[in-house]
Amino acid sequence: MPTPRMTCRDLVEIATDYLDGALDPDERARLDRHLQTCPGCRNYLAQLARVVELTGTFPKDDVDPAVVAALASVFRAWREEGSV
């Protein structure tokens, strides 16, 4: 049975695992196929990689806990929207 096509939302949910090299080979291949046909996701992934590159130099203690909580809240709301 062929694996279903990846959506842009699917890609967003696993983009950091992709950048970390933490995807299994089948999921990585599925994501790579999506990137071949989706310039928006290629752009998103490039931007995310740049953010990781730039922010990866900050010690975790430098991030205000209120900012972390606010970002986590936004992400949870976004995920809940996708499950409807």
PDB file of N, CA and C in Angstrom:
ATOM      1  N   MET A   1       0.850  -1.176   0.000  1.00  0.00           N
ATOM      2  CA  MET A   1       0.000   0.000   0.000  1.00  0.00           C
ATOM      3  C   MET A   1       0.897   1.241   0.000  1.00  0.00           C
ATOM      4  N   PRO A   2       0.678   2.159  -0.928  1.00  0.00           N
ATOM      5  CA  PRO A   2       1.505   3.370  -0.980  1.00  0.00           C
ATOM      6  C   PRO A   2       1.225   4.271   0.222  1.00  0.00           C
ATOM      7  N   THR A   3       2.246   5.001   0.651  1.00  0.00           N
ATOM      8  CA  THR A   3       2.053   5.932   1.759  1.00  0.00           C
ATOM      9  C   THR A   3       1.320   7.158   1.251  1.00  0.00           C
ATOM     10  N   PRO A   4       0.478   7.745   2.099  1.00  0.00           N
ATOM     11  CA  PRO A   4      -0.261   8.932   1.666  1.00  0.00           C
ATOM     12  C   PRO A   4       0.680  10.105   1.426  1.00  0.00           C
ATOM     13  N   ARG A   5       0.245  10.987   0.547  1.00  0.00           N
ATOM     14  CA  ARG A   5       1.037  12.188   0.265  1.00  0.00           C
ATOM     15  C   ARG A   5       1.105  13.051   1.506  1.00  0.00           C
ATOM     16  N   MET A   6       2.230  13.701   1.670  1.00  0.00           N
ATOM     17  CA  MET A   6       2.417  14.600   2.803  1.00  0.00           C
ATOM     18  C   MET A   6       1.756  15.937   2.481  1.00  0.00           C
ATOM     19  N   THR A   7       1.115  16.514   3.483  1.00  0.00           N
ATOM     20  CA  THR A   7       0.549  17.849   3.345  1.00  0.00           C
ATOM     21  C   THR A   7       1.532  18.861   3.933  1.00  0.00           C
ATOM     22  N   CYS A   8       1.282  20.114   3.650  1.00  0.00           N
ATOM     23  CA  CYS A   8       2.121  21.169   4.213  1.00  0.00           C
ATOM     24  C   CYS A   8       2.038  21.151   5.738  1.00  0.00           C
ATOM     25  N   ARG A   9       0.877  20.917   6.275  1.00  0.00           N
ATOM     26  CA  ARG A   9       0.702  20.847   7.733  1.00  0.00           C
ATOM     27  C   ARG A   9       1.518  19.690   8.303  1.00  0.00           C
ATOM     28  N   ASP A  10       1.504  18.542   7.611  1.00  0.00           N
ATOM     29  CA  ASP A  10       2.320  17.407   8.057  1.00  0.00           C
ATOM     30  C   ASP A  10       3.788  17.811   8.134  1.00  0.00           C
ATOM     31  N   LEU A  11       4.255  18.501   7.112  1.00  0.00           N
ATOM     32  CA  LEU A  11       5.653  18.908   7.060  1.00  0.00           C
ATOM     33  C   LEU A  11       5.998  19.822   8.230  1.00  0.00           C
ATOM     34  N   VAL A  12       5.149  20.781   8.510  1.00  0.00           N
ATOM     35  CA  VAL A  12       5.412  21.718   9.600  1.00  0.00           C
ATOM     36  C   VAL A  12       5.566  20.970  10.918  1.00  0.00           C
ATOM     37  N   GLU A  13       4.759  19.940  11.114  1.00  0.00           N
ATOM     38  CA  GLU A  13       4.795  19.207  12.374  1.00  0.00           C
ATOM     39  C   GLU A  13       6.087  18.410  12.569  1.00  0.00           C
ATOM     40  N   ILE A  14       6.767  18.044  11.482  1.00  0.00           N
ATOM     41  CA  ILE A  14       7.969  17.221  11.629  1.00  0.00           C
ATOM     42  C   ILE A  14       9.225  17.920  11.106  1.00  0.00           C
ATOM     43  N   ALA A  15       9.126  19.205  10.811  1.00  0.00           N
ATOM     44  CA  ALA A  15      10.252  19.930  10.213  1.00  0.00           C
ATOM     45  C   ALA A  15      11.488  19.924  11.107  1.00  0.00           C
ATOM     46  N   THR A  16      11.326  20.108  12.405  1.00  0.00           N
ATOM     47  CA  THR A  16      12.511  20.134  13.257  1.00  0.00           C
ATOM     48  C   THR A  16      13.160  18.754  13.335  1.00  0.00           C
ATOM     49  N   ASP A  17      12.347  17.693  13.331  1.00  0.00           N
ATOM     50  CA  ASP A  17      12.925  16.344  13.300  1.00  0.00           C
ATOM     51  C   ASP A  17      13.705  16.136  12.003  1.00  0.00           C
ATOM     52  N   TYR A  18      13.186  16.670  10.914  1.00  0.00           N
ATOM     53  CA  TYR A  18      13.870  16.584   9.622  1.00  0.00           C
ATOM     54  C   TYR A  18      15.231  17.279   9.691  1.00  0.00           C
ATOM     55  N   LEU A  19      15.228  18.493  10.220  1.00  0.00           N
ATOM     56  CA  LEU A  19      16.477  19.253  10.312  1.00  0.00           C
ATOM     57  C   LEU A  19      17.465  18.589  11.269  1.00  0.00           C
ATOM     58  N   ASP A  20      16.949  17.906  12.280  1.00  0.00           N
ATOM     59  CA  ASP A  20      17.811  17.213  13.251  1.00  0.00           C
ATOM     60  C   ASP A  20      18.277  15.852  12.749  1.00  0.00           C
ATOM     61  N   GLY A  21      17.760  15.419  11.588  1.00  0.00           N
ATOM     62  CA  GLY A  21      18.115  14.098  11.072  1.00  0.00           C
ATOM     63  C   GLY A  21      17.483  12.971  11.869  1.00  0.00           C
ATOM     64  N   ALA A  22      16.345  13.254  12.499  1.00  0.00           N
ATOM     65  CA  ALA A  22      15.717  12.286  13.393  1.00  0.00           C
ATOM     66  C   ALA A  22      14.537  11.530  12.767  1.00  0.00           C
ATOM     67  N   LEU A  23      14.289  11.715  11.475  1.00  0.00           N
ATOM     68  CA  LEU A  23      13.184  11.002  10.824  1.00  0.00           C
ATOM     69  C   LEU A  23      13.651   9.637  10.348  1.00  0.00           C
ATOM     70  N   ASP A  24      12.716   8.684  10.363  1.00  0.00           N
ATOM     71  CA  ASP A  24      13.069   7.386   9.782  1.00  0.00           C
ATOM     72  C   ASP A  24      13.160   7.566   8.265  1.00  0.00           C
ATOM     73  N   PRO A  25      13.858   6.671   7.583  1.00  0.00           N
ATOM     74  CA  PRO A  25      14.105   6.854   6.141  1.00  0.00           C
ATOM     75  C   PRO A  25      12.839   7.000   5.297  1.00  0.00           C
ATOM     76  N   ASP A  26      11.792   6.261   5.631  1.00  0.00           N
ATOM     77  CA  ASP A  26      10.551   6.364   4.846  1.00  0.00           C
ATOM     78  C   ASP A  26       9.904   7.741   4.999  1.00  0.00           C
ATOM     79  N   GLU A  27       9.863   8.236   6.233  1.00  0.00           N
ATOM     80  CA  GLU A  27       9.253   9.554   6.467  1.00  0.00           C
ATOM     81  C   GLU A  27      10.105  10.654   5.840  1.00  0.00           C
ATOM     82  N   ARG A  28      11.408  10.508   5.907  1.00  0.00           N
ATOM     83  CA  ARG A  28      12.302  11.488   5.271  1.00  0.00           C
ATOM     84  C   ARG A  28      12.077  11.503   3.756  1.00  0.00           C
ATOM     85  N   ALA A  29      11.950  10.341   3.155  1.00  0.00           N
ATOM     86  CA  ALA A  29      11.708  10.262   1.713  1.00  0.00           C
ATOM     87  C   ALA A  29      10.365  10.898   1.357  1.00  0.00           C
ATOM     88  N   ARG A  30       9.377  10.679   2.196  1.00  0.00           N
ATOM     89  CA  ARG A  30       8.044  11.266   1.979  1.00  0.00           C
ATOM     90  C   ARG A  30       8.139  12.791   2.046  1.00  0.00           C
ATOM     91  N   LEU A  31       8.876  13.300   3.017  1.00  0.00           N
ATOM     92  CA  LEU A  31       9.044  14.743   3.142  1.00  0.00           C
ATOM     93  C   LEU A  31       9.832  15.296   1.954  1.00  0.00           C
ATOM     94  N   ASP A  32      10.876  14.607   1.557  1.00  0.00           N
ATOM     95  CA  ASP A  32      11.664  15.048   0.402  1.00  0.00           C
ATOM     96  C   ASP A  32      10.808  15.115  -0.863  1.00  0.00           C
ATOM     97  N   ARG A  33       9.918  14.144  -1.056  1.00  0.00           N
ATOM     98  CA  ARG A  33       9.019  14.172  -2.229  1.00  0.00           C
ATOM     99  C   ARG A  33       8.117  15.395  -2.176  1.00  0.00           C
ATOM    100  N   HIS A  34       7.626  15.726  -0.983  1.00  0.00           N
ATOM    101  CA  HIS A  34       6.771  16.905  -0.850  1.00  0.00           C
ATOM    102  C   HIS A  34       7.559  18.175  -1.198  1.00  0.00           C
ATOM    103  N   LEU A  35       8.787  18.246  -0.720  1.00  0.00           N
ATOM    104  CA  LEU A  35       9.605  19.433  -0.990  1.00  0.00           C
ATOM    105  C   LEU A  35       9.862  19.634  -2.480  1.00  0.00           C
ATOM    106  N   GLN A  36       9.918  18.551  -3.238  1.00  0.00           N
ATOM    107  CA  GLN A  36      10.155  18.653  -4.680  1.00  0.00           C
ATOM    108  C   GLN A  36       9.044  19.413  -5.389  1.00  0.00           C
ATOM    109  N   THR A  37       7.836  19.388  -4.829  1.00  0.00           N
ATOM    110  CA  THR A  37       6.690  19.997  -5.506  1.00  0.00           C
ATOM    111  C   THR A  37       6.104  21.200  -4.776  1.00  0.00           C
ATOM    112  N   CYS A  38       6.696  21.588  -3.642  1.00  0.00           N
ATOM    113  CA  CYS A  38       6.089  22.657  -2.839  1.00  0.00           C
ATOM    114  C   CYS A  38       7.107  23.747  -2.505  1.00  0.00           C
ATOM    115  N   PRO A  39       7.136  24.804  -3.306  1.00  0.00           N
ATOM    116  CA  PRO A  39       8.086  25.879  -3.030  1.00  0.00           C
ATOM    117  C   PRO A  39       7.826  26.574  -1.691  1.00  0.00           C
ATOM    118  N   GLY A  40       6.578  26.631  -1.266  1.00  0.00           N
ATOM    119  CA  GLY A  40       6.264  27.252   0.025  1.00  0.00           C
ATOM    120  C   GLY A  40       6.916  26.507   1.178  1.00  0.00           C
ATOM    121  N   CYS A  41       6.881  25.189   1.132  1.00  0.00           N
ATOM    122  CA  CYS A  41       7.501  24.395   2.198  1.00  0.00           C
ATOM    123  C   CYS A  41       9.027  24.439   2.109  1.00  0.00           C
ATOM    124  N   ARG A  42       9.558  24.515   0.895  1.00  0.00           N
ATOM    125  CA  ARG A  42      11.013  24.671   0.770  1.00  0.00           C
ATOM    126  C   ARG A  42      11.445  25.978   1.430  1.00  0.00           C
ATOM    127  N   ASN A  43      10.686  27.035   1.191  1.00  0.00           N
ATOM    128  CA  ASN A  43      10.978  28.336   1.790  1.00  0.00           C
ATOM    129  C   ASN A  43      10.832  28.267   3.312  1.00  0.00           C
ATOM    130  N   TYR A  44       9.751  27.650   3.789  1.00  0.00           N
ATOM    131  CA  TYR A  44       9.533  27.510   5.230  1.00  0.00           C
ATOM    132  C   TYR A  44      10.692  26.767   5.883  1.00  0.00           C
ATOM    133  N   LEU A  45      11.111  25.669   5.281  1.00  0.00           N
ATOM    134  CA  LEU A  45      12.186  24.862   5.844  1.00  0.00           C
ATOM    135  C   LEU A  45      13.508  25.639   5.862  1.00  0.00           C
ATOM    136  N   ALA A  46      13.766  26.406   4.812  1.00  0.00           N
ATOM    137  CA  ALA A  46      14.983  27.234   4.772  1.00  0.00           C
ATOM    138  C   ALA A  46      14.944  28.298   5.869  1.00  0.00           C
ATOM    139  N   GLN A  47      13.783  28.911   6.064  1.00  0.00           N
ATOM    140  CA  GLN A  47      13.648  29.918   7.114  1.00  0.00           C
ATOM    141  C   GLN A  47      13.823  29.281   8.492  1.00  0.00           C
ATOM    142  N   LEU A  48      13.220  28.118   8.703  1.00  0.00           N
ATOM    143  CA  LEU A  48      13.340  27.433   9.982  1.00  0.00           C
ATOM    144  C   LEU A  48      14.788  27.047  10.255  1.00  0.00           C
ATOM    145  N   ALA A  49      15.477  26.559   9.241  1.00  0.00           N
ATOM    146  CA  ALA A  49      16.886  26.194   9.402  1.00  0.00           C
ATOM    147  C   ALA A  49      17.705  27.424   9.798  1.00  0.00           C
ATOM    148  N   ARG A  50      17.391  28.563   9.218  1.00  0.00           N
ATOM    149  CA  ARG A  50      18.118  29.802   9.549  1.00  0.00           C
ATOM    150  C   ARG A  50      17.821  30.233  10.983  1.00  0.00           C
ATOM    151  N   VAL A  51      16.564  30.133  11.397  1.00  0.00           N
ATOM    152  CA  VAL A  51      16.199  30.480  12.772  1.00  0.00           C
ATOM    153  C   VAL A  51      16.942  29.573  13.750  1.00  0.00           C
ATOM    154  N   VAL A  52      16.956  28.282  13.461  1.00  0.00           N
ATOM    155  CA  VAL A  52      17.664  27.332  14.324  1.00  0.00           C
ATOM    156  C   VAL A  52      19.149  27.680  14.369  1.00  0.00           C
ATOM    157  N   GLU A  53      19.696  28.009  13.221  1.00  0.00           N
ATOM    158  CA  GLU A  53      21.119  28.376  13.169  1.00  0.00           C
ATOM    159  C   GLU A  53      21.408  29.595  14.035  1.00  0.00           C
ATOM    160  N   LEU A  54      20.560  30.608  13.938  1.00  0.00           N
ATOM    161  CA  LEU A  54      20.793  31.849  14.674  1.00  0.00           C
ATOM    162  C   LEU A  54      20.473  31.723  16.156  1.00  0.00           C
ATOM    163  N   THR A  55      19.382  31.072  16.477  1.00  0.00           N
ATOM    164  CA  THR A  55      18.976  30.982  17.881  1.00  0.00           C
ATOM    165  C   THR A  55      19.668  29.851  18.616  1.00  0.00           C
ATOM    166  N   GLY A  56      20.246  28.942  17.886  1.00  0.00           N
ATOM    167  CA  GLY A  56      20.953  27.846  18.529  1.00  0.00           C
ATOM    168  C   GLY A  56      22.160  28.314  19.306  1.00  0.00           C
ATOM    169  N   THR A  57      22.541  29.567  19.120  1.00  0.00           N
ATOM    170  CA  THR A  57      23.702  30.101  19.822  1.00  0.00           C
ATOM    171  C   THR A  57      23.331  30.720  21.165  1.00  0.00           C
ATOM    172  N   PHE A  58      22.038  30.846  21.462  1.00  0.00           N
ATOM    173  CA  PHE A  58      21.599  31.427  22.728  1.00  0.00           C
ATOM    174  C   PHE A  58      21.501  30.354  23.806  1.00  0.00           C
ATOM    175  N   PRO A  59      22.054  30.614  24.973  1.00  0.00           N
ATOM    176  CA  PRO A  59      21.845  29.668  26.074  1.00  0.00           C
ATOM    177  C   PRO A  59      20.363  29.626  26.453  1.00  0.00           C
ATOM    178  N   LYS A  60      19.862  28.452  26.825  1.00  0.00           N
ATOM    179  CA  LYS A  60      18.444  28.316  27.171  1.00  0.00           C
ATOM    180  C   LYS A  60      18.038  29.258  28.293  1.00  0.00           C
ATOM    181  N   ASP A  61      18.937  29.531  29.207  1.00  0.00           N
ATOM    182  CA  ASP A  61      18.610  30.397  30.340  1.00  0.00           C
ATOM    183  C   ASP A  61      18.342  31.834  29.925  1.00  0.00           C
ATOM    184  N   ASP A  62      18.735  32.210  28.705  1.00  0.00           N
ATOM    185  CA  ASP A  62      18.507  33.574  28.234  1.00  0.00           C
ATOM    186  C   ASP A  62      17.089  33.796  27.723  1.00  0.00           C
ATOM    187  N   VAL A  63      16.309  32.742  27.580  1.00  0.00           N
ATOM    188  CA  VAL A  63      14.948  32.872  27.069  1.00  0.00           C
ATOM    189  C   VAL A  63      13.994  33.053  28.247  1.00  0.00           C
ATOM    190  N   ASP A  64      13.251  34.147  28.214  1.00  0.00           N
ATOM    191  CA  ASP A  64      12.295  34.452  29.272  1.00  0.00           C
ATOM    192  C   ASP A  64      11.239  33.342  29.339  1.00  0.00           C
ATOM    193  N   PRO A  65      10.987  32.766  30.501  1.00  0.00           N
ATOM    194  CA  PRO A  65       9.981  31.709  30.633  1.00  0.00           C
ATOM    195  C   PRO A  65       8.596  32.138  30.149  1.00  0.00           C
ATOM    196  N   ALA A  66       8.256  33.412  30.276  1.00  0.00           N
ATOM    197  CA  ALA A  66       6.965  33.899  29.793  1.00  0.00           C
ATOM    198  C   ALA A  66       6.877  33.798  28.273  1.00  0.00           C
ATOM    199  N   VAL A  67       7.998  34.031  27.595  1.00  0.00           N
ATOM    200  CA  VAL A  67       8.040  33.917  26.133  1.00  0.00           C
ATOM    201  C   VAL A  67       7.873  32.454  25.732  1.00  0.00           C
ATOM    202  N   VAL A  68       8.543  31.569  26.427  1.00  0.00           N
ATOM    203  CA  VAL A  68       8.414  30.137  26.145  1.00  0.00           C
ATOM    204  C   VAL A  68       6.964  29.705  26.333  1.00  0.00           C
ATOM    205  N   ALA A  69       6.327  30.130  27.421  1.00  0.00           N
ATOM    206  CA  ALA A  69       4.929  29.767  27.695  1.00  0.00           C
ATOM    207  C   ALA A  69       4.002  30.321  26.620  1.00  0.00           C
ATOM    208  N   ALA A  70       4.240  31.556  26.193  1.00  0.00           N
ATOM    209  CA  ALA A  70       3.391  32.160  25.153  1.00  0.00           C
ATOM    210  C   ALA A  70       3.527  31.413  23.831  1.00  0.00           C
ATOM    211  N   LEU A  71       4.748  31.075  23.462  1.00  0.00           N
ATOM    212  CA  LEU A  71       4.959  30.333  22.217  1.00  0.00           C
ATOM    213  C   LEU A  71       4.324  28.945  22.294  1.00  0.00           C
ATOM    214  N   ALA A  72       4.464  28.288  23.431  1.00  0.00           N
ATOM    215  CA  ALA A  72       3.861  26.961  23.598  1.00  0.00           C
ATOM    216  C   ALA A  72       2.346  27.051  23.485  1.00  0.00           C
ATOM    217  N   SER A  73       1.754  28.098  24.031  1.00  0.00           N
ATOM    218  CA  SER A  73       0.308  28.289  23.953  1.00  0.00           C
ATOM    219  C   SER A  73      -0.153  28.481  22.510  1.00  0.00           C
ATOM    220  N   VAL A  74       0.585  29.297  21.769  1.00  0.00           N
ATOM    221  CA  VAL A  74       0.247  29.525  20.358  1.00  0.00           C
ATOM    222  C   VAL A  74       0.360  28.220  19.574  1.00  0.00           C
ATOM    223  N   PHE A  75       1.402  27.465  19.820  1.00  0.00           N
ATOM    224  CA  PHE A  75       1.596  26.205  19.109  1.00  0.00           C
ATOM    225  C   PHE A  75       0.475  25.218  19.441  1.00  0.00           C
ATOM    226  N   ARG A  76       0.099  25.123  20.726  1.00  0.00           N
ATOM    227  CA  ARG A  76      -1.001  24.214  21.097  1.00  0.00           C
ATOM    228  C   ARG A  76      -2.300  24.624  20.404  1.00  0.00           C
ATOM    229  N   ALA A  77      -2.591  25.915  20.354  1.00  0.00           N
ATOM    230  CA  ALA A  77      -3.806  26.392  19.679  1.00  0.00           C
ATOM    231  C   ALA A  77      -3.776  26.060  18.199  1.00  0.00           C
ATOM    232  N   TRP A  78      -2.619  26.228  17.585  1.00  0.00           N
ATOM    233  CA  TRP A  78      -2.474  25.907  16.160  1.00  0.00           C
ATOM    234  C   TRP A  78      -2.726  24.423  15.917  1.00  0.00           C
ATOM    235  N   ARG A  79      -2.158  23.574  16.777  1.00  0.00           N
ATOM    236  CA  ARG A  79      -2.331  22.122  16.624  1.00  0.00           C
ATOM    237  C   ARG A  79      -3.788  21.732  16.808  1.00  0.00           C
ATOM    238  N   GLU A  80      -4.474  22.364  17.761  1.00  0.00           N
ATOM    239  CA  GLU A  80      -5.885  22.045  17.997  1.00  0.00           C
ATOM    240  C   GLU A  80      -6.742  22.439  16.800  1.00  0.00           C
ATOM    241  N   GLU A  81      -6.403  23.524  16.129  1.00  0.00           N
ATOM    242  CA  GLU A  81      -7.134  23.935  14.937  1.00  0.00           C
ATOM    243  C   GLU A  81      -7.024  22.874  13.848  1.00  0.00           C
ATOM    244  N   GLY A  82      -5.866  22.270  13.742  1.00  0.00           N
ATOM    245  CA  GLY A  82      -5.612  21.270  12.703  1.00  0.00           C
ATOM    246  C   GLY A  82      -6.328  19.959  12.945  1.00  0.00           C
ATOM    247  N   SER A  83      -6.750  19.708  14.185  1.00  0.00           N
ATOM    248  CA  SER A  83      -7.396  18.434  14.486  1.00  0.00           C
ATOM    249  C   SER A  83      -8.897  18.486  14.320  1.00  0.00           C
ATOM    250  N   VAL A  84      -9.435  19.650  13.992  1.00  0.00           N
ATOM    251  CA  VAL A  84     -10.878  19.797  13.826  1.00  0.00           C
ATOM    252  C   VAL A  84     -11.319  19.302  12.482  1.00  0.00           C
TER     253      VAL A  84
END
